[in-house]
PDB file of all heavy atoms in Angstrom:
ATOM      1  N   ILE A   1     -14.240 -30.412 -10.439  1.00  0.00           N
ATOM      2  CA  ILE A   1     -13.268 -29.821 -11.357  1.00  0.00           C
ATOM      3  C   ILE A   1     -13.988 -28.984 -12.405  1.00  0.00           C
ATOM      4  O   ILE A   1     -13.585 -27.839 -12.700  1.00  0.00           O
ATOM      5  CB  ILE A   1     -12.417 -30.916 -12.029  1.00  0.00           C
ATOM      6  CG1 ILE A   1     -11.500 -31.583 -11.007  1.00  0.00           C
ATOM      7  CG2 ILE A   1     -11.576 -30.323 -13.169  1.00  0.00           C
ATOM      8  CD1 ILE A   1     -10.734 -32.774 -11.547  1.00  0.00           C
ATOM      9  N   ALA A   2     -15.062 -29.527 -12.973  1.00  0.00           N
ATOM     10  CA  ALA A   2     -15.804 -28.787 -14.000  1.00  0.00           C
ATOM     11  C   ALA A   2     -16.357 -27.484 -13.443  1.00  0.00           C
ATOM     12  O   ALA A   2     -16.311 -26.435 -14.110  1.00  0.00           O
ATOM     13  CB  ALA A   2     -16.927 -29.660 -14.555  1.00  0.00           C
ATOM     14  N   GLU A   3     -16.895 -27.528 -12.228  1.00  0.00           N
ATOM     15  CA  GLU A   3     -17.441 -26.312 -11.625  1.00  0.00           C
ATOM     16  C   GLU A   3     -16.347 -25.293 -11.356  1.00  0.00           C
ATOM     17  O   GLU A   3     -16.536 -24.088 -11.604  1.00  0.00           O
ATOM     18  CB  GLU A   3     -18.159 -26.676 -10.325  1.00  0.00           C
ATOM     19  CG  GLU A   3     -19.438 -27.479 -10.540  1.00  0.00           C
ATOM     20  CD  GLU A   3     -20.012 -28.005  -9.230  1.00  0.00           C
ATOM     21  OE1 GLU A   3     -19.328 -27.858  -8.180  1.00  0.00           O
ATOM     22  OE2 GLU A   3     -21.128 -28.566  -9.252  1.00  0.00           O
ATOM     23  N   LEU A   4     -15.208 -25.748 -10.855  1.00  0.00           N
ATOM     24  CA  LEU A   4     -14.127 -24.811 -10.532  1.00  0.00           C
ATOM     25  C   LEU A   4     -13.418 -24.302 -11.779  1.00  0.00           C
ATOM     26  O   LEU A   4     -12.788 -23.246 -11.739  1.00  0.00           O
ATOM     27  CB  LEU A   4     -13.132 -25.481  -9.582  1.00  0.00           C
ATOM     28  CG  LEU A   4     -13.671 -25.772  -8.175  1.00  0.00           C
ATOM     29  CD1 LEU A   4     -12.637 -26.497  -7.336  1.00  0.00           C
ATOM     30  CD2 LEU A   4     -14.102 -24.478  -7.478  1.00  0.00           C
ATOM     31  N   ASN A   5     -13.526 -25.039 -12.893  1.00  0.00           N
ATOM     32  CA  ASN A   5     -12.963 -24.534 -14.150  1.00  0.00           C
ATOM     33  C   ASN A   5     -13.674 -23.261 -14.602  1.00  0.00           C
ATOM     34  O   ASN A   5     -13.056 -22.388 -15.235  1.00  0.00           O
ATOM     35  CB  ASN A   5     -13.093 -25.599 -15.244  1.00  0.00           C
ATOM     36  CG  ASN A   5     -11.988 -26.641 -15.191  1.00  0.00           C
ATOM     37  OD1 ASN A   5     -10.957 -26.449 -14.532  1.00  0.00           O
ATOM     38  ND2 ASN A   5     -12.181 -27.746 -15.889  1.00  0.00           N
ATOM     39  N   THR A   6     -14.948 -23.152 -14.317  1.00  0.00           N
ATOM     40  CA  THR A   6     -15.713 -21.975 -14.756  1.00  0.00           C
ATOM     41  C   THR A   6     -15.775 -20.896 -13.689  1.00  0.00           C
ATOM     42  O   THR A   6     -16.200 -19.768 -13.977  1.00  0.00           O
ATOM     43  CB  THR A   6     -17.155 -22.383 -15.134  1.00  0.00           C
ATOM     44  OG1 THR A   6     -17.813 -22.940 -13.996  1.00  0.00           O
ATOM     45  CG2 THR A   6     -17.131 -23.416 -16.245  1.00  0.00           C
ATOM     46  N   TRP A   7     -15.376 -21.229 -12.467  1.00  0.00           N
ATOM     47  CA  TRP A   7     -15.434 -20.262 -11.366  1.00  0.00           C
ATOM     48  C   TRP A   7     -14.237 -19.318 -11.415  1.00  0.00           C
ATOM     49  O   TRP A   7     -13.113 -19.730 -11.707  1.00  0.00           O
ATOM     50  CB  TRP A   7     -15.446 -21.011 -10.024  1.00  0.00           C
ATOM     51  CG  TRP A   7     -15.400 -20.113  -8.823  1.00  0.00           C
ATOM     52  CD1 TRP A   7     -16.409 -19.390  -8.294  1.00  0.00           C
ATOM     53  CD2 TRP A   7     -14.250 -19.858  -8.000  1.00  0.00           C
ATOM     54  NE1 TRP A   7     -15.976 -18.707  -7.184  1.00  0.00           N
ATOM     55  CE2 TRP A   7     -14.652 -18.967  -6.987  1.00  0.00           C
ATOM     56  CE3 TRP A   7     -12.923 -20.289  -8.035  1.00  0.00           C
ATOM     57  CZ2 TRP A   7     -13.774 -18.504  -6.016  1.00  0.00           C
ATOM     58  CZ3 TRP A   7     -12.042 -19.837  -7.070  1.00  0.00           C
ATOM     59  CH2 TRP A   7     -12.484 -18.950  -6.059  1.00  0.00           C
ATOM     60  N   ARG A   8     -14.482 -18.065 -11.160  1.00  0.00           N
ATOM     61  CA  ARG A   8     -13.402 -17.080 -11.097  1.00  0.00           C
ATOM     62  C   ARG A   8     -13.505 -16.337  -9.771  1.00  0.00           C
ATOM     63  O   ARG A   8     -14.579 -15.838  -9.409  1.00  0.00           O
ATOM     64  CB  ARG A   8     -13.498 -16.071 -12.256  1.00  0.00           C
ATOM     65  CG  ARG A   8     -13.236 -16.696 -13.629  1.00  0.00           C
ATOM     66  CD  ARG A   8     -11.806 -17.191 -13.733  1.00  0.00           C
ATOM     67  NE  ARG A   8     -11.500 -17.808 -15.013  1.00  0.00           N
ATOM     68  CZ  ARG A   8     -11.557 -19.114 -15.251  1.00  0.00           C
ATOM     69  NH1 ARG A   8     -11.953 -19.940 -14.283  1.00  0.00           N
ATOM     70  NH2 ARG A   8     -11.246 -19.607 -16.420  1.00  0.00           N
ATOM     71  N   PRO A   9     -12.413 -16.251  -9.034  1.00  0.00           N
ATOM     72  CA  PRO A   9     -12.467 -15.539  -7.755  1.00  0.00           C
ATOM     73  C   PRO A   9     -12.711 -14.051  -7.989  1.00  0.00           C
ATOM     74  O   PRO A   9     -12.173 -13.475  -8.942  1.00  0.00           O
ATOM     75  CB  PRO A   9     -11.078 -15.789  -7.159  1.00  0.00           C
ATOM     76  CG  PRO A   9     -10.194 -16.042  -8.335  1.00  0.00           C
ATOM     77  CD  PRO A   9     -11.049 -16.737  -9.344  1.00  0.00           C
ATOM     78  N   PRO A  10     -13.515 -13.435  -7.145  1.00  0.00           N
ATOM     79  CA  PRO A  10     -13.728 -11.985  -7.281  1.00  0.00           C
ATOM     80  C   PRO A  10     -12.407 -11.239  -7.119  1.00  0.00           C
ATOM     81  O   PRO A  10     -11.514 -11.662  -6.384  1.00  0.00           O
ATOM     82  CB  PRO A  10     -14.682 -11.662  -6.120  1.00  0.00           C
ATOM     83  CG  PRO A  10     -15.284 -12.968  -5.716  1.00  0.00           C
ATOM     84  CD  PRO A  10     -14.263 -14.013  -6.003  1.00  0.00           C
ATOM     85  N   GLU A  11     -12.274 -10.138  -7.818  1.00  0.00           N
ATOM     86  CA  GLU A  11     -11.073  -9.304  -7.668  1.00  0.00           C
ATOM     87  C   GLU A  11     -10.989  -8.799  -6.224  1.00  0.00           C
ATOM     88  O   GLU A  11     -12.011  -8.390  -5.648  1.00  0.00           O
ATOM     89  CB  GLU A  11     -11.109  -8.120  -8.624  1.00  0.00           C
ATOM     90  CG  GLU A  11     -10.711  -8.475 -10.047  1.00  0.00           C
ATOM     91  CD  GLU A  11      -9.261  -8.914 -10.137  1.00  0.00           C
ATOM     92  OE1 GLU A  11      -8.368  -8.205  -9.598  1.00  0.00           O
ATOM     93  OE2 GLU A  11      -9.008  -9.972 -10.737  1.00  0.00           O
ATOM     94  N   PRO A  12      -9.809  -8.804  -5.634  1.00  0.00           N
ATOM     95  CA  PRO A  12      -9.675  -8.309  -4.253  1.00  0.00           C
ATOM     96  C   PRO A  12     -10.156  -6.866  -4.137  1.00  0.00           C
ATOM     97  O   PRO A  12      -9.878  -6.034  -5.006  1.00  0.00           O
ATOM     98  CB  PRO A  12      -8.173  -8.428  -3.986  1.00  0.00           C
ATOM     99  CG  PRO A  12      -7.679  -9.471  -4.927  1.00  0.00           C
ATOM    100  CD  PRO A  12      -8.519  -9.309  -6.166  1.00  0.00           C
ATOM    101  N   GLU A  13     -10.874  -6.580  -3.065  1.00  0.00           N
ATOM    102  CA  GLU A  13     -11.340  -5.228  -2.817  1.00  0.00           C
ATOM    103  C   GLU A  13     -10.557  -4.565  -1.681  1.00  0.00           C
ATOM    104  O   GLU A  13     -10.791  -3.402  -1.372  1.00  0.00           O
ATOM    105  CB  GLU A  13     -12.827  -5.245  -2.456  1.00  0.00           C
ATOM    106  CG  GLU A  13     -13.156  -6.085  -1.221  1.00  0.00           C
ATOM    107  CD  GLU A  13     -14.641  -6.201  -0.951  1.00  0.00           C
ATOM    108  OE1 GLU A  13     -15.396  -6.436  -1.909  1.00  0.00           O
ATOM    109  OE2 GLU A  13     -15.046  -6.052   0.221  1.00  0.00           O
ATOM    110  N   GLU A  14      -9.634  -5.325  -1.072  1.00  0.00           N
ATOM    111  CA  GLU A  14      -8.912  -4.825   0.111  1.00  0.00           C
ATOM    112  C   GLU A  14      -7.638  -4.095  -0.309  1.00  0.00           C
ATOM    113  O   GLU A  14      -6.524  -4.495   0.008  1.00  0.00           O
ATOM    114  CB  GLU A  14      -8.573  -5.994   1.055  1.00  0.00           C
ATOM    115  CG  GLU A  14      -9.772  -6.796   1.524  1.00  0.00           C
ATOM    116  CD  GLU A  14     -10.165  -7.895   0.536  1.00  0.00           C
ATOM    117  OE1 GLU A  14      -9.491  -8.029  -0.509  1.00  0.00           O
ATOM    118  OE2 GLU A  14     -11.120  -8.630   0.822  1.00  0.00           O
ATOM    119  N   TRP A  15      -7.791  -3.027  -1.075  1.00  0.00           N
ATOM    120  CA  TRP A  15      -6.635  -2.248  -1.494  1.00  0.00           C
ATOM    121  C   TRP A  15      -7.073  -0.819  -1.826  1.00  0.00           C
ATOM    122  O   TRP A  15      -8.242  -0.539  -2.016  1.00  0.00           O
ATOM    123  CB  TRP A  15      -5.960  -2.877  -2.714  1.00  0.00           C
ATOM    124  CG  TRP A  15      -6.786  -2.807  -3.970  1.00  0.00           C
ATOM    125  CD1 TRP A  15      -7.778  -3.669  -4.354  1.00  0.00           C
ATOM    126  CD2 TRP A  15      -6.697  -1.822  -4.999  1.00  0.00           C
ATOM    127  NE1 TRP A  15      -8.325  -3.279  -5.545  1.00  0.00           N
ATOM    128  CE2 TRP A  15      -7.669  -2.150  -5.968  1.00  0.00           C
ATOM    129  CE3 TRP A  15      -5.903  -0.684  -5.195  1.00  0.00           C
ATOM    130  CZ2 TRP A  15      -7.847  -1.383  -7.126  1.00  0.00           C
ATOM    131  CZ3 TRP A  15      -6.084   0.078  -6.348  1.00  0.00           C
ATOM    132  CH2 TRP A  15      -7.054  -0.280  -7.288  1.00  0.00           C
ATOM    133  N   ARG A  16      -6.104   0.051  -1.890  1.00  0.00           N
ATOM    134  CA  ARG A  16      -6.317   1.419  -2.369  1.00  0.00           C
ATOM    135  C   ARG A  16      -5.018   1.898  -2.998  1.00  0.00           C
ATOM    136  O   ARG A  16      -3.955   1.271  -2.820  1.00  0.00           O
ATOM    137  CB  ARG A  16      -6.755   2.347  -1.234  1.00  0.00           C
ATOM    138  CG  ARG A  16      -5.815   2.385  -0.047  1.00  0.00           C
ATOM    139  CD  ARG A  16      -6.219   3.462   0.952  1.00  0.00           C
ATOM    140  NE  ARG A  16      -7.589   3.293   1.430  1.00  0.00           N
ATOM    141  CZ  ARG A  16      -7.914   2.690   2.555  1.00  0.00           C
ATOM    142  NH1 ARG A  16      -6.941   2.176   3.336  1.00  0.00           N
ATOM    143  NH2 ARG A  16      -9.149   2.592   2.950  1.00  0.00           N
ATOM    144  N   LEU A  17      -5.093   2.970  -3.748  1.00  0.00           N
ATOM    145  CA  LEU A  17      -3.890   3.519  -4.382  1.00  0.00           C
ATOM    146  C   LEU A  17      -2.966   4.113  -3.331  1.00  0.00           C
ATOM    147  O   LEU A  17      -3.409   4.631  -2.293  1.00  0.00           O
ATOM    148  CB  LEU A  17      -4.266   4.591  -5.403  1.00  0.00           C
ATOM    149  CG  LEU A  17      -5.018   4.063  -6.643  1.00  0.00           C
ATOM    150  CD1 LEU A  17      -5.462   5.238  -7.513  1.00  0.00           C
ATOM    151  CD2 LEU A  17      -4.131   3.104  -7.442  1.00  0.00           C
ATOM    152  N   ALA A  18      -1.670   4.054  -3.600  1.00  0.00           N
ATOM    153  CA  ALA A  18      -0.668   4.486  -2.619  1.00  0.00           C
ATOM    154  C   ALA A  18      -0.821   5.948  -2.251  1.00  0.00           C
ATOM    155  O   ALA A  18      -0.540   6.345  -1.102  1.00  0.00           O
ATOM    156  CB  ALA A  18       0.739   4.221  -3.162  1.00  0.00           C
ATOM    157  N   ASP A  19      -1.283   6.790  -3.191  1.00  0.00           N
ATOM    158  CA  ASP A  19      -1.378   8.220  -2.868  1.00  0.00           C
ATOM    159  C   ASP A  19      -2.580   8.533  -1.973  1.00  0.00           C
ATOM    160  O   ASP A  19      -2.779   9.681  -1.570  1.00  0.00           O
ATOM    161  CB  ASP A  19      -1.430   9.066  -4.146  1.00  0.00           C
ATOM    162  CG  ASP A  19      -2.581   8.698  -5.061  1.00  0.00           C
ATOM    163  OD1 ASP A  19      -3.461   7.899  -4.636  1.00  0.00           O
ATOM    164  OD2 ASP A  19      -2.606   9.178  -6.211  1.00  0.00           O
ATOM    165  N   SER A  20      -3.391   7.490  -1.656  1.00  0.00           N
ATOM    166  CA  SER A  20      -4.497   7.701  -0.727  1.00  0.00           C
ATOM    167  C   SER A  20      -4.230   7.041   0.619  1.00  0.00           C
ATOM    168  O   SER A  20      -5.158   6.756   1.374  1.00  0.00           O
ATOM    169  CB  SER A  20      -5.799   7.144  -1.332  1.00  0.00           C
ATOM    170  OG  SER A  20      -5.705   5.745  -1.522  1.00  0.00           O
ATOM    171  N   ALA A  21      -2.951   6.812   0.919  1.00  0.00           N
ATOM    172  CA  ALA A  21      -2.591   6.110   2.146  1.00  0.00           C
ATOM    173  C   ALA A  21      -3.035   6.882   3.384  1.00  0.00           C
ATOM    174  O   ALA A  21      -2.963   8.118   3.436  1.00  0.00           O
ATOM    175  CB  ALA A  21      -1.076   5.914   2.194  1.00  0.00           C
ATOM    176  N   LEU A  22      -3.529   6.100   4.358  1.00  0.00           N
ATOM    177  CA  LEU A  22      -3.787   6.667   5.678  1.00  0.00           C
ATOM    178  C   LEU A  22      -2.463   6.686   6.432  1.00  0.00           C
ATOM    179  O   LEU A  22      -1.809   5.646   6.567  1.00  0.00           O
ATOM    180  CB  LEU A  22      -4.817   5.811   6.442  1.00  0.00           C
ATOM    181  CG  LEU A  22      -6.224   5.727   5.831  1.00  0.00           C
ATOM    182  CD1 LEU A  22      -7.064   4.724   6.625  1.00  0.00           C
ATOM    183  CD2 LEU A  22      -6.868   7.093   5.812  1.00  0.00           C
ATOM    184  N   PRO A  23      -2.039   7.857   6.914  1.00  0.00           N
ATOM    185  CA  PRO A  23      -0.745   7.925   7.605  1.00  0.00           C
ATOM    186  C   PRO A  23      -0.808   7.163   8.927  1.00  0.00           C
ATOM    187  O   PRO A  23      -1.884   7.040   9.534  1.00  0.00           O
ATOM    188  CB  PRO A  23      -0.541   9.418   7.834  1.00  0.00           C
ATOM    189  CG  PRO A  23      -1.926   9.980   7.863  1.00  0.00           C
ATOM    190  CD  PRO A  23      -2.716   9.179   6.898  1.00  0.00           C
ATOM    191  N   PRO A  24       0.316   6.637   9.393  1.00  0.00           N
ATOM    192  CA  PRO A  24       0.327   5.960  10.706  1.00  0.00           C
ATOM    193  C   PRO A  24      -0.227   6.882  11.787  1.00  0.00           C
ATOM    194  O   PRO A  24       0.101   8.072  11.841  1.00  0.00           O
ATOM    195  CB  PRO A  24       1.799   5.647  10.923  1.00  0.00           C
ATOM    196  CG  PRO A  24       2.383   5.564   9.538  1.00  0.00           C
ATOM    197  CD  PRO A  24       1.646   6.594   8.737  1.00  0.00           C
ATOM    198  N   ASP A  25      -1.085   6.333  12.641  1.00  0.00           N
ATOM    199  CA  ASP A  25      -1.642   7.127  13.744  1.00  0.00           C
ATOM    200  C   ASP A  25      -1.297   6.489  15.094  1.00  0.00           C
ATOM    201  O   ASP A  25      -2.027   6.651  16.068  1.00  0.00           O
ATOM    202  CB  ASP A  25      -3.153   7.282  13.591  1.00  0.00           C
ATOM    203  CG  ASP A  25      -3.906   5.957  13.643  1.00  0.00           C
ATOM    204  OD1 ASP A  25      -3.234   4.890  13.650  1.00  0.00           O
ATOM    205  OD2 ASP A  25      -5.149   5.974  13.687  1.00  0.00           O
ATOM    206  N   VAL A  26      -0.192   5.753  15.121  1.00  0.00           N
ATOM    207  CA  VAL A  26       0.266   5.131  16.369  1.00  0.00           C
ATOM    208  C   VAL A  26       1.470   5.905  16.884  1.00  0.00           C
ATOM    209  O   VAL A  26       2.203   6.543  16.104  1.00  0.00           O
ATOM    210  CB  VAL A  26       0.636   3.652  16.158  1.00  0.00           C
ATOM    211  CG1 VAL A  26      -0.589   2.855  15.738  1.00  0.00           C
ATOM    212  CG2 VAL A  26       1.741   3.502  15.109  1.00  0.00           C
ATOM    213  N   GLU A  27       1.702   5.879  18.204  1.00  0.00           N
ATOM    214  CA  GLU A  27       2.813   6.627  18.789  1.00  0.00           C
ATOM    215  C   GLU A  27       4.158   6.092  18.349  1.00  0.00           C
ATOM    216  O   GLU A  27       5.104   6.848  18.132  1.00  0.00           O
ATOM    217  CB  GLU A  27       2.707   6.594  20.320  1.00  0.00           C
ATOM    218  CG  GLU A  27       1.505   7.341  20.883  1.00  0.00           C
ATOM    219  CD  GLU A  27       1.509   7.346  22.400  1.00  0.00           C
ATOM    220  OE1 GLU A  27       2.493   6.830  22.983  1.00  0.00           O
ATOM    221  OE2 GLU A  27       0.541   7.844  22.990  1.00  0.00           O
ATOM    222  N   ASP A  28       4.266   4.747  18.243  1.00  0.00           N
ATOM    223  CA  ASP A  28       5.560   4.138  17.917  1.00  0.00           C
ATOM    224  C   ASP A  28       5.356   3.141  16.776  1.00  0.00           C
ATOM    225  O   ASP A  28       5.028   1.974  17.009  1.00  0.00           O
ATOM    226  CB  ASP A  28       6.120   3.424  19.156  1.00  0.00           C
ATOM    227  CG  ASP A  28       7.532   2.928  18.955  1.00  0.00           C
ATOM    228  OD1 ASP A  28       7.973   2.802  17.788  1.00  0.00           O
ATOM    229  OD2 ASP A  28       8.209   2.624  19.965  1.00  0.00           O
TER     230      ASP A  28
END
């Protein structure tokens, strides 16, 4: 508990701004 009280999860890196979206490249 003491160790996890001081631990902070890293900020997620799996995102980007909406205006940089990759357009769908699938047929359907």
